[in-house]
PDB file of N, CA and C in Angstrom:
ATOM      1  N   MET A   1      18.501  11.536   3.774  1.00  0.00           N
ATOM      2  CA  MET A   1      17.321  11.023   3.027  1.00  0.00           C
ATOM      3  C   MET A   1      16.742  10.260   4.482  1.00  0.00           C
ATOM      4  N   SER A   2      15.113  10.626   5.289  1.00  0.00           N
ATOM      5  CA  SER A   2      14.336  10.388   6.157  1.00  0.00           C
ATOM      6  C   SER A   2      14.533   8.852   6.027  1.00  0.00           C
ATOM      7  N   PRO A   3      14.126   8.008   7.328  1.00  0.00           N
ATOM      8  CA  PRO A   3      14.236   6.528   6.895  1.00  0.00           C
ATOM      9  C   PRO A   3      12.818   6.241   6.060  1.00  0.00           C
ATOM     10  N   LEU A   4      11.993   6.982   6.339  1.00  0.00           N
ATOM     11  CA  LEU A   4      10.228   6.385   5.833  1.00  0.00           C
ATOM     12  C   LEU A   4      10.627   6.486   4.253  1.00  0.00           C
ATOM     13  N   LEU A   5      11.843   7.606   3.637  1.00  0.00           N
ATOM     14  CA  LEU A   5      11.825   7.609   2.194  1.00  0.00           C
ATOM     15  C   LEU A   5      13.079   6.761   1.727  1.00  0.00           C
ATOM     16  N   ARG A   6      14.064   6.075   2.652  1.00  0.00           N
ATOM     17  CA  ARG A   6      15.641   5.170   1.749  1.00  0.00           C
ATOM     18  C   ARG A   6      14.011   4.224   1.193  1.00  0.00           C
ATOM     19  N   ARG A   7      14.853   4.036   0.255  1.00  0.00           N
ATOM     20  CA  ARG A   7      14.687   3.206  -1.029  1.00  0.00           C
ATOM     21  C   ARG A   7      15.255   1.907  -1.043  1.00  0.00           C
ATOM     22  N   ASP A   8      14.317   1.277  -1.036  1.00  0.00           N
ATOM     23  CA  ASP A   8      15.342  -0.442  -0.486  1.00  0.00           C
ATOM     24  C   ASP A   8      15.609  -1.049  -2.629  1.00  0.00           C
ATOM     25  N   THR A   9      17.192  -0.681  -2.461  1.00  0.00           N
ATOM     26  CA  THR A   9      17.764  -1.176  -3.660  1.00  0.00           C
ATOM     27  C   THR A   9      17.921  -2.345  -3.742  1.00  0.00           C
ATOM     28  N   SER A  10      17.415  -3.641  -2.547  1.00  0.00           N
ATOM     29  CA  SER A  10      17.552  -4.659  -2.820  1.00  0.00           C
ATOM     30  C   SER A  10      16.706  -5.313  -4.254  1.00  0.00           C
ATOM     31  N   LYS A  11      15.313  -4.773  -3.795  1.00  0.00           N
ATOM     32  CA  LYS A  11      14.018  -5.202  -4.814  1.00  0.00           C
ATOM     33  C   LYS A  11      14.223  -4.136  -5.820  1.00  0.00           C
ATOM     34  N   LYS A  12      14.308  -4.848  -7.356  1.00  0.00           N
ATOM     35  CA  LYS A  12      13.592  -3.844  -8.161  1.00  0.00           C
ATOM     36  C   LYS A  12      11.706  -3.653  -8.002  1.00  0.00           C
ATOM     37  N   PRO A  13      11.260  -2.253  -8.539  1.00  0.00           N
ATOM     38  CA  PRO A  13       9.521  -2.029  -8.504  1.00  0.00           C
ATOM     39  C   PRO A  13       9.223  -3.080  -8.701  1.00  0.00           C
ATOM     40  N   ALA A  14       9.186  -4.074 -10.018  1.00  0.00           N
ATOM     41  CA  ALA A  14       8.731  -4.832 -10.205  1.00  0.00           C
ATOM     42  C   ALA A  14       8.550  -6.028  -9.703  1.00  0.00           C
ATOM     43  N   GLU A  15       9.261  -6.712  -8.895  1.00  0.00           N
ATOM     44  CA  GLU A  15       9.231  -7.375  -7.843  1.00  0.00           C
ATOM     45  C   GLU A  15       8.844  -6.848  -6.895  1.00  0.00           C
ATOM     46  N   ARG A  16       8.336  -6.079  -6.408  1.00  0.00           N
ATOM     47  CA  ARG A  16       7.828  -6.070  -5.276  1.00  0.00           C
ATOM     48  C   ARG A  16       5.661  -5.870  -5.377  1.00  0.00           C
ATOM     49  N   THR A  17       5.520  -6.062  -3.725  1.00  0.00           N
ATOM     50  CA  THR A  17       4.058  -6.393  -4.110  1.00  0.00           C
ATOM     51  C   THR A  17       3.388  -5.124  -2.986  1.00  0.00           C
ATOM     52  N   VAL A  18       2.942  -4.315  -3.632  1.00  0.00           N
ATOM     53  CA  VAL A  18       1.594  -3.180  -2.945  1.00  0.00           C
ATOM     54  C   VAL A  18       0.099  -4.007  -2.468  1.00  0.00           C
ATOM     55  N   THR A  19      -0.075  -3.906  -1.374  1.00  0.00           N
ATOM     56  CA  THR A  19      -1.250  -4.749  -0.622  1.00  0.00           C
ATOM     57  C   THR A  19      -2.134  -3.442  -0.068  1.00  0.00           C
ATOM     58  N   LEU A  20      -3.345  -3.057  -0.450  1.00  0.00           N
ATOM     59  CA  LEU A  20      -4.574  -2.383  -0.048  1.00  0.00           C
ATOM     60  C   LEU A  20      -5.056  -2.823   1.355  1.00  0.00           C
ATOM     61  N   ILE A  21      -4.831  -2.681   2.715  1.00  0.00           N
ATOM     62  CA  ILE A  21      -5.989  -3.168   2.832  1.00  0.00           C
ATOM     63  C   ILE A  21      -7.112  -2.191   3.464  1.00  0.00           C
ATOM     64  N   GLY A  22      -8.483  -2.680   3.401  1.00  0.00           N
ATOM     65  CA  GLY A  22      -9.271  -1.841   3.425  1.00  0.00           C
ATOM     66  C   GLY A  22     -10.921  -1.965   3.093  1.00  0.00           C
ATOM     67  N   LYS A  23     -12.441  -1.866   3.313  1.00  0.00           N
ATOM     68  CA  LYS A  23     -13.152  -2.173   3.501  1.00  0.00           C
ATOM     69  C   LYS A  23     -14.289  -1.657   1.830  1.00  0.00           C
ATOM     70  N   PRO A  24     -15.666  -2.060   1.531  1.00  0.00           N
ATOM     71  CA  PRO A  24     -16.645  -1.554   1.100  1.00  0.00           C
ATOM     72  C   PRO A  24     -16.706  -0.894   1.253  1.00  0.00           C
ATOM     73  N   GLY A  25     -16.991   0.978   0.910  1.00  0.00           N
ATOM     74  CA  GLY A  25     -17.594   1.231   0.920  1.00  0.00           C
ATOM     75  C   GLY A  25     -17.230   2.822   1.829  1.00  0.00           C
ATOM     76  N   CYS A  26     -15.595   2.633   1.407  1.00  0.00           N
ATOM     77  CA  CYS A  26     -14.798   3.728   2.590  1.00  0.00           C
ATOM     78  C   CYS A  26     -14.156   4.509   1.672  1.00  0.00           C
ATOM     79  N   HIS A  27     -14.448   5.856   1.311  1.00  0.00           N
ATOM     80  CA  HIS A  27     -13.688   6.443   0.731  1.00  0.00           C
ATOM     81  C   HIS A  27     -12.192   6.551   0.658  1.00  0.00           C
ATOM     82  N   LEU A  28     -11.520   7.070   1.645  1.00  0.00           N
ATOM     83  CA  LEU A  28     -10.417   7.131   1.566  1.00  0.00           C
ATOM     84  C   LEU A  28      -9.874   5.555   1.579  1.00  0.00           C
ATOM     85  N   CYS A  29     -10.244   4.166   0.715  1.00  0.00           N
ATOM     86  CA  CYS A  29      -9.718   3.195   0.253  1.00  0.00           C
ATOM     87  C   CYS A  29     -10.033   3.514  -1.257  1.00  0.00           C
ATOM     88  N   ASP A  30     -11.165   4.140  -1.730  1.00  0.00           N
ATOM     89  CA  ASP A  30     -11.258   4.132  -2.629  1.00  0.00           C
ATOM     90  C   ASP A  30      -9.550   5.417  -3.351  1.00  0.00           C
ATOM     91  N   ASP A  31      -9.940   6.444  -2.728  1.00  0.00           N
ATOM     92  CA  ASP A  31      -8.887   7.255  -3.134  1.00  0.00           C
ATOM     93  C   ASP A  31      -7.532   6.478  -2.797  1.00  0.00           C
ATOM     94  N   ALA A  32      -7.378   5.792  -1.648  1.00  0.00           N
ATOM     95  CA  ALA A  32      -5.682   5.357  -2.149  1.00  0.00           C
ATOM     96  C   ALA A  32      -5.347   4.252  -3.026  1.00  0.00           C
ATOM     97  N   ARG A  33      -6.639   3.651  -3.291  1.00  0.00           N
ATOM     98  CA  ARG A  33      -6.720   2.196  -4.559  1.00  0.00           C
ATOM     99  C   ARG A  33      -6.350   3.382  -5.618  1.00  0.00           C
ATOM    100  N   ALA A  34      -6.885   4.749  -6.052  1.00  0.00           N
ATOM    101  CA  ALA A  34      -6.532   5.172  -7.300  1.00  0.00           C
ATOM    102  C   ALA A  34      -4.665   4.961  -7.334  1.00  0.00           C
ATOM    103  N   VAL A  35      -4.063   5.461  -6.359  1.00  0.00           N
ATOM    104  CA  VAL A  35      -3.051   6.044  -6.711  1.00  0.00           C
ATOM    105  C   VAL A  35      -1.864   4.654  -6.854  1.00  0.00           C
ATOM    106  N   ILE A  36      -2.193   3.950  -5.338  1.00  0.00           N
ATOM    107  CA  ILE A  36      -1.475   2.633  -5.877  1.00  0.00           C
ATOM    108  C   ILE A  36      -2.063   2.346  -7.682  1.00  0.00           C
ATOM    109  N   VAL A  37      -2.693   2.014  -7.889  1.00  0.00           N
ATOM    110  CA  VAL A  37      -3.051   1.264  -9.402  1.00  0.00           C
ATOM    111  C   VAL A  37      -1.964   1.828 -10.249  1.00  0.00           C
ATOM    112  N   ARG A  38      -2.439   3.258  -9.944  1.00  0.00           N
ATOM    113  CA  ARG A  38      -1.373   4.301 -10.826  1.00  0.00           C
ATOM    114  C   ARG A  38      -0.145   3.965 -10.668  1.00  0.00           C
ATOM    115  N   VAL A  39       0.600   4.426  -9.353  1.00  0.00           N
ATOM    116  CA  VAL A  39       1.961   3.756  -9.271  1.00  0.00           C
ATOM    117  C   VAL A  39       2.477   2.476  -9.627  1.00  0.00           C
ATOM    118  N   THR A  40       1.867   1.293  -9.269  1.00  0.00           N
ATOM    119  CA  THR A  40       2.172   0.056  -9.798  1.00  0.00           C
ATOM    120  C   THR A  40       1.922  -0.174 -10.863  1.00  0.00           C
ATOM    121  N   GLY A  41       0.874   0.492 -11.746  1.00  0.00           N
ATOM    122  CA  GLY A  41       0.596   0.170 -13.332  1.00  0.00           C
ATOM    123  C   GLY A  41       1.879   0.645 -13.935  1.00  0.00           C
ATOM    124  N   GLU A  42       2.658   1.637 -13.255  1.00  0.00           N
ATOM    125  CA  GLU A  42       3.498   2.514 -14.218  1.00  0.00           C
ATOM    126  C   GLU A  42       4.816   1.834 -14.060  1.00  0.00           C
ATOM    127  N   LEU A  43       4.634   1.380 -12.512  1.00  0.00           N
ATOM    128  CA  LEU A  43       6.595   0.442 -12.377  1.00  0.00           C
ATOM    129  C   LEU A  43       6.165  -0.819 -12.330  1.00  0.00           C
ATOM    130  N   GLY A  44       5.031  -1.460 -12.892  1.00  0.00           N
ATOM    131  CA  GLY A  44       5.289  -3.078 -13.111  1.00  0.00           C
ATOM    132  C   GLY A  44       5.232  -3.735 -11.915  1.00  0.00           C
ATOM    133  N   SER A  45       4.986  -2.911 -10.101  1.00  0.00           N
ATOM    134  CA  SER A  45       4.975  -3.623  -9.238  1.00  0.00           C
ATOM    135  C   SER A  45       3.535  -4.590  -9.325  1.00  0.00           C
ATOM    136  N   ALA A  46       3.228  -5.497  -8.428  1.00  0.00           N
ATOM    137  CA  ALA A  46       2.184  -6.531  -7.834  1.00  0.00           C
ATOM    138  C   ALA A  46       1.000  -5.142  -7.420  1.00  0.00           C
ATOM    139  N   PHE A  47       0.042  -5.464  -7.396  1.00  0.00           N
ATOM    140  CA  PHE A  47      -1.030  -5.582  -6.303  1.00  0.00           C
ATOM    141  C   PHE A  47      -2.328  -6.283  -6.102  1.00  0.00           C
ATOM    142  N   GLU A  48      -2.260  -6.336  -4.633  1.00  0.00           N
ATOM    143  CA  GLU A  48      -3.185  -6.861  -4.579  1.00  0.00           C
ATOM    144  C   GLU A  48      -3.792  -6.173  -3.221  1.00  0.00           C
ATOM    145  N   GLU A  49      -5.574  -6.465  -3.069  1.00  0.00           N
ATOM    146  CA  GLU A  49      -6.367  -6.594  -2.133  1.00  0.00           C
ATOM    147  C   GLU A  49      -6.614  -6.642  -1.268  1.00  0.00           C
ATOM    148  N   ARG A  50      -7.123  -6.571   0.583  1.00  0.00           N
ATOM    149  CA  ARG A  50      -7.878  -7.667   1.193  1.00  0.00           C
ATOM    150  C   ARG A  50      -8.596  -6.713   1.709  1.00  0.00           C
ATOM    151  N   ASP A  51      -9.605  -7.638   2.141  1.00  0.00           N
ATOM    152  CA  ASP A  51     -11.054  -6.884   2.933  1.00  0.00           C
ATOM    153  C   ASP A  51     -11.051  -7.623   4.240  1.00  0.00           C
ATOM    154  N   ILE A  52     -11.291  -5.905   5.229  1.00  0.00           N
ATOM    155  CA  ILE A  52     -10.867  -6.440   6.731  1.00  0.00           C
ATOM    156  C   ILE A  52     -12.228  -6.889   6.773  1.00  0.00           C
ATOM    157  N   THR A  53     -13.202  -7.066   6.441  1.00  0.00           N
ATOM    158  CA  THR A  53     -14.261  -7.984   6.951  1.00  0.00           C
ATOM    159  C   THR A  53     -14.466  -9.206   6.591  1.00  0.00           C
ATOM    160  N   GLN A  54     -13.781  -9.281   5.721  1.00  0.00           N
ATOM    161  CA  GLN A  54     -13.579 -11.086   5.570  1.00  0.00           C
ATOM    162  C   GLN A  54     -12.282 -11.485   6.237  1.00  0.00           C
ATOM    163  N   ASP A  55     -11.956 -11.007   6.727  1.00  0.00           N
ATOM    164  CA  ASP A  55     -10.865 -11.118   7.577  1.00  0.00           C
ATOM    165  C   ASP A  55     -10.513 -10.880   9.002  1.00  0.00           C
ATOM    166  N   GLU A  56     -10.951 -11.512  10.271  1.00  0.00           N
ATOM    167  CA  GLU A  56     -11.479 -11.209  11.521  1.00  0.00           C
ATOM    168  C   GLU A  56      -9.701 -11.041  11.714  1.00  0.00           C
ATOM    169  N   GLU A  57      -8.960 -11.246  11.879  1.00  0.00           N
ATOM    170  CA  GLU A  57      -7.396 -11.131  11.848  1.00  0.00           C
ATOM    171  C   GLU A  57      -7.037  -9.572  11.470  1.00  0.00           C
ATOM    172  N   LEU A  58      -7.152  -9.199  10.268  1.00  0.00           N
ATOM    173  CA  LEU A  58      -6.998  -8.112   9.420  1.00  0.00           C
ATOM    174  C   LEU A  58      -7.876  -7.118  10.238  1.00  0.00           C
ATOM    175  N   TYR A  59      -9.251  -7.448  10.665  1.00  0.00           N
ATOM    176  CA  TYR A  59     -10.252  -6.385  11.273  1.00  0.00           C
ATOM    177  C   TYR A  59      -9.638  -5.789  12.529  1.00  0.00           C
ATOM    178  N   ARG A  60      -9.015  -6.795  13.169  1.00  0.00           N
ATOM    179  CA  ARG A  60      -8.265  -6.466  14.683  1.00  0.00           C
ATOM    180  C   ARG A  60      -6.979  -5.980  14.787  1.00  0.00           C
ATOM    181  N   LYS A  61      -6.546  -6.349  13.862  1.00  0.00           N
ATOM    182  CA  LYS A  61      -5.242  -5.230  13.677  1.00  0.00           C
ATOM    183  C   LYS A  61      -5.452  -3.449  13.014  1.00  0.00           C
ATOM    184  N   TYR A  62      -5.961  -3.391  11.918  1.00  0.00           N
ATOM    185  CA  TYR A  62      -5.856  -2.884  11.646  1.00  0.00           C
ATOM    186  C   TYR A  62      -7.523  -1.441  11.769  1.00  0.00           C
ATOM    187  N   TRP A  63      -8.381  -1.934  11.770  1.00  0.00           N
ATOM    188  CA  TRP A  63      -9.659  -1.562  12.006  1.00  0.00           C
ATOM    189  C   TRP A  63      -9.809  -0.167  12.122  1.00  0.00           C
ATOM    190  N   GLU A  64      -8.628   0.381  12.879  1.00  0.00           N
ATOM    191  CA  GLU A  64      -9.008   2.112  12.666  1.00  0.00           C
ATOM    192  C   GLU A  64      -7.695   2.369  12.150  1.00  0.00           C
ATOM    193  N   GLN A  65      -7.543   1.505  11.351  1.00  0.00           N
ATOM    194  CA  GLN A  65      -6.201   2.981   9.750  1.00  0.00           C
ATOM    195  C   GLN A  65      -6.589   2.527   9.152  1.00  0.00           C
ATOM    196  N   ILE A  66      -7.839   2.639   8.882  1.00  0.00           N
ATOM    197  CA  ILE A  66      -7.945   1.741   7.016  1.00  0.00           C
ATOM    198  C   ILE A  66      -8.158   3.448   6.227  1.00  0.00           C
ATOM    199  N   PRO A  67      -7.678   2.992   5.215  1.00  0.00           N
ATOM    200  CA  PRO A  67      -6.377   2.489   4.607  1.00  0.00           C
ATOM    201  C   PRO A  67      -5.761   2.317   5.275  1.00  0.00           C
ATOM    202  N   VAL A  68      -5.498   1.237   5.021  1.00  0.00           N
ATOM    203  CA  VAL A  68      -3.619   0.726   4.873  1.00  0.00           C
ATOM    204  C   VAL A  68      -2.510  -0.113   3.858  1.00  0.00           C
ATOM    205  N   THR A  69      -1.518   0.303   3.836  1.00  0.00           N
ATOM    206  CA  THR A  69      -0.949   0.496   2.696  1.00  0.00           C
ATOM    207  C   THR A  69       0.479  -0.560   3.270  1.00  0.00           C
ATOM    208  N   LEU A  70       0.506  -2.165   2.586  1.00  0.00           N
ATOM    209  CA  LEU A  70       1.679  -2.973   2.590  1.00  0.00           C
ATOM    210  C   LEU A  70       2.411  -2.682   1.549  1.00  0.00           C
ATOM    211  N   ILE A  71       3.879  -2.967   1.699  1.00  0.00           N
ATOM    212  CA  ILE A  71       4.734  -3.437   0.833  1.00  0.00           C
ATOM    213  C   ILE A  71       5.714  -4.553   1.013  1.00  0.00           C
ATOM    214  N   ASP A  72       5.214  -5.593  -0.069  1.00  0.00           N
ATOM    215  CA  ASP A  72       5.961  -7.043   0.692  1.00  0.00           C
ATOM    216  C   ASP A  72       5.526  -6.644   2.154  1.00  0.00           C
ATOM    217  N   GLY A  73       4.169  -6.894   2.456  1.00  0.00           N
ATOM    218  CA  GLY A  73       3.739  -7.239   3.554  1.00  0.00           C
ATOM    219  C   GLY A  73       4.570  -6.274   4.712  1.00  0.00           C
ATOM    220  N   LYS A  74       5.169  -5.171   4.544  1.00  0.00           N
ATOM    221  CA  LYS A  74       5.571  -4.603   5.778  1.00  0.00           C
ATOM    222  C   LYS A  74       4.367  -3.296   5.878  1.00  0.00           C
ATOM    223  N   GLN A  75       3.681  -2.837   6.649  1.00  0.00           N
ATOM    224  CA  GLN A  75       2.932  -1.255   6.838  1.00  0.00           C
ATOM    225  C   GLN A  75       4.384  -0.252   6.028  1.00  0.00           C
ATOM    226  N   HIS A  76       3.572   0.277   5.076  1.00  0.00           N
ATOM    227  CA  HIS A  76       3.877   1.763   4.680  1.00  0.00           C
ATOM    228  C   HIS A  76       3.320   2.534   5.373  1.00  0.00           C
ATOM    229  N   ASP A  77       2.210   2.491   5.620  1.00  0.00           N
ATOM    230  CA  ASP A  77       1.056   3.837   5.364  1.00  0.00           C
ATOM    231  C   ASP A  77      -0.317   3.783   5.913  1.00  0.00           C
ATOM    232  N   PHE A  78      -0.874   4.714   6.536  1.00  0.00           N
ATOM    233  CA  PHE A  78      -2.302   4.167   6.732  1.00  0.00           C
ATOM    234  C   PHE A  78      -3.275   5.351   6.228  1.00  0.00           C
ATOM    235  N   TRP A  79      -4.375   5.433   6.063  1.00  0.00           N
ATOM    236  CA  TRP A  79      -5.322   6.845   5.785  1.00  0.00           C
ATOM    237  C   TRP A  79      -5.171   7.117   4.600  1.00  0.00           C
ATOM    238  N   ARG A  80      -3.680   8.303   4.244  1.00  0.00           N
ATOM    239  CA  ARG A  80      -3.800   8.507   2.350  1.00  0.00           C
ATOM    240  C   ARG A  80      -2.368   8.041   2.015  1.00  0.00           C
ATOM    241  N   VAL A  81      -2.293   7.611   0.849  1.00  0.00           N
ATOM    242  CA  VAL A  81      -1.400   7.401   0.192  1.00  0.00           C
ATOM    243  C   VAL A  81      -0.353   8.689  -0.265  1.00  0.00           C
ATOM    244  N   ASP A  82       0.891   9.105  -0.257  1.00  0.00           N
ATOM    245  CA  ASP A  82       1.637   9.721  -0.989  1.00  0.00           C
ATOM    246  C   ASP A  82       2.334   9.138  -2.157  1.00  0.00           C
ATOM    247  N   GLU A  83       1.568  10.046  -3.572  1.00  0.00           N
ATOM    248  CA  GLU A  83       2.199   8.619  -4.278  1.00  0.00           C
ATOM    249  C   GLU A  83       4.137   8.956  -4.107  1.00  0.00           C
ATOM    250  N   ARG A  84       4.900  10.127  -3.890  1.00  0.00           N
ATOM    251  CA  ARG A  84       5.823  10.305  -4.327  1.00  0.00           C
ATOM    252  C   ARG A  84       6.559   9.853  -2.810  1.00  0.00           C
ATOM    253  N   ARG A  85       6.171   9.034  -1.721  1.00  0.00           N
ATOM    254  CA  ARG A  85       6.773   8.103  -0.594  1.00  0.00           C
ATOM    255  C   ARG A  85       6.399   6.748  -1.210  1.00  0.00           C
ATOM    256  N   LEU A  86       5.476   6.351  -1.931  1.00  0.00           N
ATOM    257  CA  LEU A  86       5.068   4.985  -2.617  1.00  0.00           C
ATOM    258  C   LEU A  86       6.245   5.105  -3.639  1.00  0.00           C
ATOM    259  N   ARG A  87       6.109   5.795  -4.150  1.00  0.00           N
ATOM    260  CA  ARG A  87       7.443   5.449  -5.508  1.00  0.00           C
ATOM    261  C   ARG A  87       8.893   5.116  -4.474  1.00  0.00           C
ATOM    262  N   ALA A  88       8.790   6.720  -3.882  1.00  0.00           N
ATOM    263  CA  ALA A  88      10.787   5.643  -3.700  1.00  0.00           C
ATOM    264  C   ALA A  88      10.098   4.736  -2.595  1.00  0.00           C
ATOM    265  N   ALA A  89       9.403   4.125  -1.768  1.00  0.00           N
ATOM    266  CA  ALA A  89       9.205   3.519  -1.110  1.00  0.00           C
ATOM    267  C   ALA A  89       9.689   1.917  -2.239  1.00  0.00           C
ATOM    268  N   LEU A  90       9.338   2.088  -3.480  1.00  0.00           N
ATOM    269  CA  LEU A  90       9.147   1.114  -4.540  1.00  0.00           C
ATOM    270  C   LEU A  90      10.463   0.657  -5.141  1.00  0.00           C
ATOM    271  N   GLY A  91      11.178   1.949  -4.621  1.00  0.00           N
ATOM    272  CA  GLY A  91      12.454   1.690  -5.361  1.00  0.00           C
ATOM    273  C   GLY A  91      12.552   2.894  -6.762  1.00  0.00           C
ATOM    274  N   ALA A  92      11.523   3.669  -7.363  1.00  0.00           N
ATOM    275  CA  ALA A  92      11.422   4.506  -8.469  1.00  0.00           C
ATOM    276  C   ALA A  92      12.003   5.494  -8.561  1.00  0.00           C
TER     277      ALA A  92
END
């Protein structure tokens, strides 16, 4: 199994938090949000969203990569969210 698809079995999906970092008016962010909401809703994982236009540090770090997906604070993906990879990363 690829290291990117390796499951973290130390936590159950419901104990994980997925963060979407994006900005208003970003169509890729809208696409990513739809996938993340569907997956986190089915698995019971927490979902939060951060706006790079409201946080200078996030803007400096991620402005060329949005949308960026974090799982438990660690970068998982950017630009597009692959539903299968997200599920695997959450341990489903």
